N, C-alpha and C. Protein backbone atom coordinates (compact mmCIF):
# COMPACT_ATOMS: atom_id res chain seq x y z
N MET A 1 15.84 -77.86 -7.00
CA MET A 1 14.63 -77.97 -7.77
C MET A 1 14.17 -76.58 -8.19
N SER A 2 13.85 -76.42 -9.44
CA SER A 2 13.37 -75.17 -9.96
C SER A 2 11.92 -74.93 -9.51
N ILE A 3 11.60 -73.70 -9.21
CA ILE A 3 10.22 -73.37 -8.82
C ILE A 3 9.26 -73.68 -9.96
N ASN A 4 9.74 -73.55 -11.20
CA ASN A 4 8.89 -73.80 -12.36
C ASN A 4 8.84 -75.26 -12.76
N ASN A 5 9.46 -76.13 -12.01
CA ASN A 5 9.49 -77.55 -12.34
C ASN A 5 8.17 -78.17 -11.90
N ILE A 6 7.21 -78.16 -12.81
CA ILE A 6 5.87 -78.66 -12.50
C ILE A 6 5.92 -80.13 -12.14
N ARG A 7 6.76 -80.89 -12.84
CA ARG A 7 6.88 -82.32 -12.56
C ARG A 7 7.20 -82.56 -11.09
N GLU A 8 8.21 -81.88 -10.57
CA GLU A 8 8.59 -82.07 -9.18
C GLU A 8 7.50 -81.61 -8.22
N ASN A 9 6.81 -80.53 -8.56
CA ASN A 9 5.72 -80.05 -7.70
C ASN A 9 4.58 -81.07 -7.66
N VAL A 10 4.27 -81.69 -8.79
CA VAL A 10 3.20 -82.70 -8.84
C VAL A 10 3.61 -83.93 -8.04
N VAL A 11 4.83 -84.41 -8.25
CA VAL A 11 5.30 -85.60 -7.51
C VAL A 11 5.33 -85.29 -6.01
N ALA A 12 5.78 -84.10 -5.62
CA ALA A 12 5.81 -83.72 -4.21
C ALA A 12 4.41 -83.70 -3.61
N LYS A 13 3.42 -83.27 -4.39
CA LYS A 13 2.03 -83.26 -3.90
C LYS A 13 1.53 -84.69 -3.69
N VAL A 14 1.89 -85.61 -4.59
CA VAL A 14 1.50 -87.01 -4.40
C VAL A 14 2.16 -87.56 -3.14
N VAL A 15 3.42 -87.23 -2.91
CA VAL A 15 4.13 -87.69 -1.71
C VAL A 15 3.42 -87.19 -0.46
N THR A 16 3.10 -85.90 -0.40
CA THR A 16 2.44 -85.36 0.80
C THR A 16 1.04 -85.95 0.98
N THR A 17 0.36 -86.23 -0.12
CA THR A 17 -0.96 -86.87 -0.02
C THR A 17 -0.83 -88.27 0.57
N LEU A 18 0.17 -89.03 0.11
CA LEU A 18 0.38 -90.38 0.65
C LEU A 18 0.79 -90.32 2.12
N GLU A 19 1.57 -89.31 2.50
CA GLU A 19 2.01 -89.17 3.89
C GLU A 19 0.82 -88.93 4.84
N SER A 20 -0.29 -88.46 4.29
CA SER A 20 -1.46 -88.19 5.13
C SER A 20 -2.28 -89.45 5.43
N ILE A 21 -1.92 -90.57 4.82
CA ILE A 21 -2.65 -91.82 5.02
C ILE A 21 -2.09 -92.54 6.24
N ASP A 22 -2.94 -92.77 7.23
CA ASP A 22 -2.50 -93.37 8.49
C ASP A 22 -1.91 -94.77 8.34
N SER A 23 -2.41 -95.54 7.38
CA SER A 23 -1.94 -96.93 7.25
C SER A 23 -0.56 -97.02 6.60
N ILE A 24 -0.07 -95.94 6.03
CA ILE A 24 1.27 -95.92 5.43
C ILE A 24 2.23 -95.32 6.45
N LYS A 25 3.26 -96.06 6.80
CA LYS A 25 4.19 -95.62 7.84
C LYS A 25 5.29 -94.70 7.33
N LYS A 26 5.69 -94.87 6.06
CA LYS A 26 6.78 -94.06 5.51
C LYS A 26 6.57 -93.90 4.01
N VAL A 27 6.88 -92.71 3.50
CA VAL A 27 6.84 -92.44 2.06
C VAL A 27 8.21 -91.91 1.68
N SER A 28 8.76 -92.41 0.59
CA SER A 28 10.11 -92.05 0.19
C SER A 28 10.18 -91.90 -1.33
N ARG A 29 11.08 -91.06 -1.79
CA ARG A 29 11.35 -90.96 -3.23
C ARG A 29 12.35 -92.02 -3.67
N LYS A 30 12.98 -92.70 -2.69
CA LYS A 30 13.92 -93.78 -3.01
C LYS A 30 13.24 -95.12 -2.76
N LEU A 31 13.41 -96.02 -3.69
CA LEU A 31 12.82 -97.35 -3.57
C LEU A 31 13.88 -98.35 -3.12
N PRO A 32 13.49 -99.32 -2.29
CA PRO A 32 14.43 -100.39 -1.97
C PRO A 32 14.87 -101.09 -3.26
N LYS A 33 16.14 -101.43 -3.35
CA LYS A 33 16.67 -102.02 -4.58
C LYS A 33 16.47 -103.52 -4.66
N GLY A 34 16.11 -104.12 -3.56
CA GLY A 34 15.91 -105.56 -3.56
C GLY A 34 15.44 -106.02 -2.20
N LEU A 35 15.33 -107.33 -2.06
CA LEU A 35 14.84 -107.91 -0.81
C LEU A 35 15.75 -107.56 0.36
N GLU A 36 17.07 -107.51 0.14
CA GLU A 36 17.99 -107.17 1.23
C GLU A 36 17.74 -105.75 1.74
N ASP A 37 17.55 -104.81 0.82
CA ASP A 37 17.24 -103.43 1.23
C ASP A 37 15.93 -103.40 2.01
N LEU A 38 14.93 -104.14 1.55
CA LEU A 38 13.64 -104.16 2.21
C LEU A 38 13.75 -104.77 3.61
N GLN A 39 14.54 -105.82 3.74
CA GLN A 39 14.71 -106.45 5.04
C GLN A 39 15.42 -105.54 6.03
N SER A 40 16.20 -104.58 5.53
CA SER A 40 16.90 -103.66 6.42
C SER A 40 16.01 -102.51 6.89
N VAL A 41 14.82 -102.39 6.32
CA VAL A 41 13.89 -101.34 6.74
C VAL A 41 13.23 -101.78 8.05
N ALA A 42 13.20 -100.89 9.03
CA ALA A 42 12.59 -101.20 10.33
C ALA A 42 11.11 -101.52 10.16
N ASP A 43 10.64 -102.49 10.94
CA ASP A 43 9.21 -102.86 10.88
C ASP A 43 8.30 -101.67 11.14
N THR A 44 8.77 -100.71 11.92
CA THR A 44 7.95 -99.52 12.21
C THR A 44 7.80 -98.61 10.99
N SER A 45 8.58 -98.86 9.93
CA SER A 45 8.49 -98.07 8.69
C SER A 45 7.74 -98.80 7.59
N ILE A 46 7.13 -99.93 7.91
CA ILE A 46 6.39 -100.70 6.91
C ILE A 46 4.93 -100.73 7.33
N PRO A 47 3.99 -100.48 6.45
CA PRO A 47 4.08 -100.33 5.02
C PRO A 47 4.83 -99.06 4.59
N LEU A 48 5.60 -99.24 3.55
CA LEU A 48 6.44 -98.20 2.98
C LEU A 48 6.00 -97.98 1.53
N CYS A 49 5.84 -96.72 1.15
CA CYS A 49 5.52 -96.41 -0.24
C CYS A 49 6.65 -95.61 -0.85
N GLY A 50 7.10 -96.02 -2.01
CA GLY A 50 8.09 -95.30 -2.79
C GLY A 50 7.40 -94.63 -3.96
N VAL A 51 7.82 -93.43 -4.29
CA VAL A 51 7.20 -92.67 -5.37
C VAL A 51 8.29 -92.21 -6.33
N ASN A 52 8.10 -92.50 -7.61
CA ASN A 52 8.98 -91.96 -8.64
C ASN A 52 8.17 -91.76 -9.91
N SER A 53 8.78 -91.16 -10.91
CA SER A 53 8.02 -90.89 -12.13
C SER A 53 8.93 -90.89 -13.35
N GLU A 54 8.27 -90.97 -14.49
CA GLU A 54 8.97 -90.82 -15.76
C GLU A 54 9.16 -89.33 -16.03
N LEU A 55 9.84 -89.03 -17.11
CA LEU A 55 9.91 -87.64 -17.54
C LEU A 55 8.57 -87.27 -18.18
N PRO A 56 8.18 -85.99 -18.09
CA PRO A 56 6.92 -85.55 -18.68
C PRO A 56 6.93 -85.72 -20.19
N LYS A 57 5.74 -85.89 -20.75
CA LYS A 57 5.58 -86.03 -22.20
C LYS A 57 4.71 -84.88 -22.71
N PRO A 58 5.32 -83.74 -23.05
CA PRO A 58 4.52 -82.61 -23.55
C PRO A 58 4.10 -82.81 -25.00
N GLU A 59 2.87 -82.39 -25.28
CA GLU A 59 2.36 -82.41 -26.65
C GLU A 59 1.91 -80.99 -26.98
N PRO A 60 2.51 -80.36 -27.99
CA PRO A 60 2.12 -78.98 -28.31
C PRO A 60 0.68 -78.95 -28.84
N HIS A 61 -0.02 -77.88 -28.46
CA HIS A 61 -1.36 -77.68 -29.03
C HIS A 61 -1.21 -77.49 -30.52
N LYS A 62 -2.15 -78.00 -31.26
CA LYS A 62 -2.11 -77.83 -32.71
C LYS A 62 -2.88 -76.55 -33.05
N PRO A 63 -2.16 -75.57 -33.64
CA PRO A 63 -2.84 -74.30 -33.94
C PRO A 63 -3.87 -74.48 -35.05
N GLY A 64 -4.92 -73.68 -34.97
CA GLY A 64 -5.94 -73.68 -36.01
C GLY A 64 -5.47 -72.84 -37.18
N ARG A 65 -6.36 -72.18 -37.84
CA ARG A 65 -5.98 -71.32 -38.96
C ARG A 65 -5.27 -70.08 -38.43
N GLY A 66 -4.29 -69.65 -39.16
CA GLY A 66 -3.56 -68.45 -38.77
C GLY A 66 -2.70 -68.70 -37.54
N LYS A 67 -2.23 -67.62 -36.94
CA LYS A 67 -1.38 -67.73 -35.76
C LYS A 67 -2.22 -68.04 -34.53
N SER A 68 -1.67 -68.85 -33.68
CA SER A 68 -2.35 -69.18 -32.44
C SER A 68 -1.57 -68.59 -31.27
N ILE A 69 -2.28 -68.00 -30.35
CA ILE A 69 -1.61 -67.48 -29.16
C ILE A 69 -1.24 -68.63 -28.23
N TRP A 70 -1.67 -69.84 -28.54
CA TRP A 70 -1.43 -71.00 -27.69
C TRP A 70 -0.27 -71.85 -28.18
N ALA A 71 0.52 -71.36 -29.12
CA ALA A 71 1.59 -72.17 -29.70
C ALA A 71 2.66 -72.57 -28.69
N ASP A 72 2.80 -71.80 -27.62
CA ASP A 72 3.82 -72.13 -26.63
C ASP A 72 3.22 -72.76 -25.37
N ILE A 73 2.00 -73.28 -25.49
CA ILE A 73 1.33 -73.97 -24.38
C ILE A 73 1.26 -75.44 -24.73
N PHE A 74 1.59 -76.28 -23.78
CA PHE A 74 1.63 -77.72 -24.00
C PHE A 74 0.68 -78.43 -23.04
N GLU A 75 0.06 -79.49 -23.53
CA GLU A 75 -0.65 -80.40 -22.63
C GLU A 75 0.32 -81.54 -22.36
N THR A 76 0.59 -81.77 -21.11
CA THR A 76 1.64 -82.71 -20.73
C THR A 76 1.05 -83.85 -19.91
N SER A 77 1.53 -85.06 -20.21
CA SER A 77 1.14 -86.20 -19.37
C SER A 77 2.37 -86.69 -18.62
N LEU A 78 2.13 -87.18 -17.43
CA LEU A 78 3.20 -87.63 -16.56
C LEU A 78 2.73 -88.88 -15.83
N ASP A 79 3.50 -89.95 -15.93
CA ASP A 79 3.19 -91.17 -15.20
C ASP A 79 3.98 -91.19 -13.90
N ILE A 80 3.26 -91.31 -12.80
CA ILE A 80 3.87 -91.39 -11.47
C ILE A 80 3.64 -92.80 -10.95
N PHE A 81 4.70 -93.42 -10.48
CA PHE A 81 4.61 -94.80 -9.99
C PHE A 81 4.63 -94.79 -8.47
N ILE A 82 3.66 -95.46 -7.90
CA ILE A 82 3.57 -95.62 -6.45
C ILE A 82 3.81 -97.10 -6.16
N VAL A 83 4.89 -97.38 -5.46
CA VAL A 83 5.24 -98.77 -5.12
C VAL A 83 5.07 -98.93 -3.62
N CYS A 84 4.21 -99.86 -3.23
CA CYS A 84 3.95 -100.10 -1.80
C CYS A 84 4.54 -101.44 -1.39
N TYR A 85 5.29 -101.39 -0.32
CA TYR A 85 5.88 -102.59 0.27
C TYR A 85 5.18 -102.83 1.61
N TYR A 86 4.82 -104.05 1.87
CA TYR A 86 4.13 -104.37 3.11
C TYR A 86 4.59 -105.73 3.61
N ARG A 87 4.23 -106.03 4.83
CA ARG A 87 4.69 -107.25 5.48
C ARG A 87 3.51 -107.90 6.19
N GLU A 88 3.48 -109.21 6.14
CA GLU A 88 2.45 -109.96 6.85
C GLU A 88 2.61 -109.71 8.35
N THR A 89 1.51 -109.40 9.01
CA THR A 89 1.58 -109.12 10.44
C THR A 89 0.42 -109.79 11.16
N GLY A 90 0.70 -110.44 12.25
CA GLY A 90 -0.33 -111.01 13.11
C GLY A 90 -1.39 -111.80 12.35
N ASP A 91 -2.62 -111.36 12.50
CA ASP A 91 -3.76 -112.06 11.89
C ASP A 91 -4.04 -111.61 10.46
N TYR A 92 -3.27 -110.66 9.94
CA TYR A 92 -3.55 -110.12 8.62
C TYR A 92 -2.67 -110.77 7.56
N ALA A 93 -3.31 -111.36 6.57
CA ALA A 93 -2.59 -111.99 5.46
C ALA A 93 -2.14 -110.91 4.47
N LEU A 94 -1.16 -111.25 3.66
CA LEU A 94 -0.64 -110.31 2.66
C LEU A 94 -1.76 -109.76 1.78
N ASP A 95 -2.68 -110.62 1.37
CA ASP A 95 -3.76 -110.19 0.48
C ASP A 95 -4.65 -109.15 1.15
N GLN A 96 -4.93 -109.30 2.43
CA GLN A 96 -5.75 -108.33 3.15
C GLN A 96 -5.03 -106.98 3.26
N ILE A 97 -3.76 -107.03 3.60
CA ILE A 97 -2.99 -105.79 3.74
C ILE A 97 -2.91 -105.07 2.41
N LYS A 98 -2.65 -105.82 1.35
CA LYS A 98 -2.58 -105.23 0.00
C LYS A 98 -3.89 -104.54 -0.35
N GLY A 99 -5.00 -105.23 -0.12
CA GLY A 99 -6.30 -104.66 -0.45
C GLY A 99 -6.61 -103.40 0.34
N ASP A 100 -6.29 -103.42 1.64
CA ASP A 100 -6.53 -102.24 2.47
C ASP A 100 -5.67 -101.06 2.05
N LEU A 101 -4.39 -101.31 1.76
CA LEU A 101 -3.50 -100.23 1.31
C LEU A 101 -3.97 -99.62 -0.01
N TYR A 102 -4.30 -100.49 -0.96
CA TYR A 102 -4.75 -100.00 -2.26
C TYR A 102 -6.01 -99.15 -2.09
N ASP A 103 -6.95 -99.63 -1.27
CA ASP A 103 -8.19 -98.90 -1.04
C ASP A 103 -7.91 -97.55 -0.38
N ASP A 104 -7.03 -97.51 0.62
CA ASP A 104 -6.69 -96.25 1.29
C ASP A 104 -6.07 -95.25 0.30
N ILE A 105 -5.17 -95.73 -0.53
CA ILE A 105 -4.52 -94.85 -1.51
C ILE A 105 -5.53 -94.34 -2.52
N PHE A 106 -6.34 -95.25 -3.05
CA PHE A 106 -7.33 -94.90 -4.06
C PHE A 106 -8.29 -93.83 -3.52
N ARG A 107 -8.84 -94.07 -2.33
CA ARG A 107 -9.80 -93.11 -1.75
C ARG A 107 -9.15 -91.76 -1.47
N THR A 108 -7.95 -91.76 -0.91
CA THR A 108 -7.30 -90.51 -0.53
C THR A 108 -6.91 -89.68 -1.75
N LEU A 109 -6.35 -90.33 -2.77
CA LEU A 109 -5.97 -89.58 -3.97
C LEU A 109 -7.19 -89.00 -4.67
N ASN A 110 -8.31 -89.71 -4.67
CA ASN A 110 -9.49 -89.26 -5.40
C ASN A 110 -10.26 -88.15 -4.70
N VAL A 111 -9.86 -87.78 -3.49
CA VAL A 111 -10.51 -86.66 -2.81
C VAL A 111 -10.23 -85.36 -3.57
N ASP A 112 -9.04 -85.22 -4.14
CA ASP A 112 -8.64 -84.00 -4.84
C ASP A 112 -8.04 -84.38 -6.19
N GLN A 113 -8.90 -84.47 -7.20
CA GLN A 113 -8.42 -84.95 -8.50
C GLN A 113 -7.61 -83.93 -9.29
N THR A 114 -7.48 -82.71 -8.78
CA THR A 114 -6.60 -81.74 -9.45
C THR A 114 -5.30 -81.55 -8.68
N LEU A 115 -5.11 -82.32 -7.62
CA LEU A 115 -3.90 -82.20 -6.78
C LEU A 115 -3.63 -80.74 -6.44
N SER A 116 -4.63 -80.11 -5.83
CA SER A 116 -4.57 -78.69 -5.42
C SER A 116 -4.36 -77.75 -6.60
N GLY A 117 -4.95 -78.08 -7.73
CA GLY A 117 -4.87 -77.21 -8.90
C GLY A 117 -3.64 -77.38 -9.76
N LEU A 118 -2.78 -78.32 -9.44
CA LEU A 118 -1.55 -78.52 -10.23
C LEU A 118 -1.83 -79.22 -11.56
N VAL A 119 -2.89 -80.02 -11.62
CA VAL A 119 -3.17 -80.81 -12.83
C VAL A 119 -4.63 -80.64 -13.23
N TYR A 120 -4.93 -80.95 -14.51
CA TYR A 120 -6.32 -80.97 -14.97
C TYR A 120 -7.07 -82.11 -14.30
N TYR A 121 -6.45 -83.27 -14.37
CA TYR A 121 -7.05 -84.47 -13.81
C TYR A 121 -5.99 -85.56 -13.77
N PHE A 122 -6.34 -86.66 -13.15
CA PHE A 122 -5.48 -87.83 -13.18
C PHE A 122 -6.35 -89.06 -13.24
N GLU A 123 -5.71 -90.15 -13.59
CA GLU A 123 -6.39 -91.44 -13.56
C GLU A 123 -5.44 -92.46 -12.96
N ILE A 124 -6.01 -93.38 -12.21
CA ILE A 124 -5.23 -94.49 -11.69
C ILE A 124 -5.41 -95.62 -12.69
N LEU A 125 -4.32 -96.00 -13.35
CA LEU A 125 -4.41 -97.01 -14.39
C LEU A 125 -4.63 -98.39 -13.79
N ASN A 126 -5.28 -99.23 -14.53
CA ASN A 126 -5.58 -100.59 -14.07
C ASN A 126 -4.43 -101.54 -14.32
N GLU A 127 -3.21 -101.04 -14.27
CA GLU A 127 -2.02 -101.85 -14.53
C GLU A 127 -1.27 -102.12 -13.24
N VAL A 128 -1.96 -102.65 -12.25
CA VAL A 128 -1.33 -102.91 -10.96
C VAL A 128 -0.45 -104.15 -11.08
N GLU A 129 0.81 -104.01 -10.73
CA GLU A 129 1.74 -105.13 -10.74
C GLU A 129 1.99 -105.57 -9.30
N GLU A 130 2.05 -106.89 -9.08
CA GLU A 130 2.23 -107.41 -7.73
C GLU A 130 3.47 -108.30 -7.65
N LEU A 131 4.04 -108.35 -6.45
CA LEU A 131 5.18 -109.22 -6.18
C LEU A 131 5.04 -109.73 -4.75
N VAL A 132 5.29 -111.02 -4.58
CA VAL A 132 5.24 -111.59 -3.23
C VAL A 132 6.55 -112.35 -2.99
N ALA A 133 7.19 -112.04 -1.87
CA ALA A 133 8.37 -112.76 -1.38
C ALA A 133 8.16 -112.86 0.12
N GLU A 134 7.34 -113.83 0.52
CA GLU A 134 6.90 -113.91 1.92
C GLU A 134 8.06 -113.78 2.89
N PRO A 135 7.86 -113.02 3.93
CA PRO A 135 6.63 -112.43 4.44
C PRO A 135 6.31 -111.05 3.86
N TYR A 136 7.00 -110.66 2.77
CA TYR A 136 6.80 -109.35 2.16
C TYR A 136 5.93 -109.45 0.92
N GLY A 137 5.28 -108.35 0.63
CA GLY A 137 4.54 -108.22 -0.60
C GLY A 137 4.74 -106.80 -1.11
N ALA A 138 4.47 -106.61 -2.39
CA ALA A 138 4.60 -105.28 -2.97
C ALA A 138 3.63 -105.16 -4.14
N PHE A 139 3.20 -103.95 -4.39
CA PHE A 139 2.44 -103.68 -5.62
C PHE A 139 2.82 -102.31 -6.13
N ARG A 140 2.69 -102.16 -7.43
CA ARG A 140 2.98 -100.88 -8.07
C ARG A 140 1.72 -100.44 -8.81
N MET A 141 1.34 -99.21 -8.57
CA MET A 141 0.23 -98.63 -9.30
C MET A 141 0.72 -97.40 -10.04
N THR A 142 0.08 -97.10 -11.15
CA THR A 142 0.48 -95.96 -11.97
C THR A 142 -0.60 -94.89 -11.92
N LEU A 143 -0.18 -93.69 -11.61
CA LEU A 143 -1.04 -92.52 -11.60
C LEU A 143 -0.65 -91.68 -12.81
N ARG A 144 -1.55 -91.52 -13.76
CA ARG A 144 -1.26 -90.69 -14.94
C ARG A 144 -1.94 -89.35 -14.77
N VAL A 145 -1.13 -88.30 -14.73
CA VAL A 145 -1.67 -86.95 -14.57
C VAL A 145 -1.53 -86.19 -15.89
N LYS A 146 -2.45 -85.24 -16.09
CA LYS A 146 -2.40 -84.35 -17.26
C LYS A 146 -2.41 -82.92 -16.74
N TYR A 147 -1.52 -82.12 -17.28
CA TYR A 147 -1.48 -80.73 -16.90
C TYR A 147 -1.02 -79.89 -18.07
N GLN A 148 -1.17 -78.58 -17.92
CA GLN A 148 -0.79 -77.64 -18.96
C GLN A 148 0.44 -76.88 -18.50
N ASN A 149 1.38 -76.67 -19.41
CA ASN A 149 2.57 -75.88 -19.08
C ASN A 149 2.99 -75.07 -20.29
N GLY A 150 3.76 -74.04 -20.01
CA GLY A 150 4.31 -73.21 -21.08
C GLY A 150 5.77 -73.58 -21.30
N ILE A 151 6.46 -72.71 -22.01
CA ILE A 151 7.86 -73.01 -22.31
C ILE A 151 8.77 -72.72 -21.11
N GLY A 152 8.20 -72.21 -20.01
CA GLY A 152 9.00 -71.88 -18.83
C GLY A 152 9.35 -73.07 -17.96
N GLY A 153 8.79 -74.23 -18.23
CA GLY A 153 9.12 -75.40 -17.41
C GLY A 153 8.10 -76.51 -17.58
N VAL A 154 8.57 -77.74 -17.38
CA VAL A 154 7.68 -78.90 -17.49
C VAL A 154 7.51 -79.54 -16.14
């Protein structure tokens, strides 16, 4: 990984932030490929969150009149996907576990909206996708971050 790879630094910060949440047992950059992969994960590692992202989408600043010193500065957006897998346990139904996990993630991420200065801001999009295959459940949330970068790396 390049030191100037802002994308990887931002994704790594999201991973470490998720790792600080007590209700999440494991965070990985690899996602289970299906129910069989999920069933092979030890119960002690669930709830499990997988993190991946799209490629960054840089948009060059539009210069005003004359030459702009900002021509090589880009405002970049990056969508990061957080996929949480959980399992029904004891007295807790899938819906309760899902709600608690989402709330924990939402609160923890919003403590530092610049991700330690790596981004201008982020938003958690309201496009939560859910999947249930009892006794497992999963949801995916999208974190859209905006940051500035130069021609040295995205």
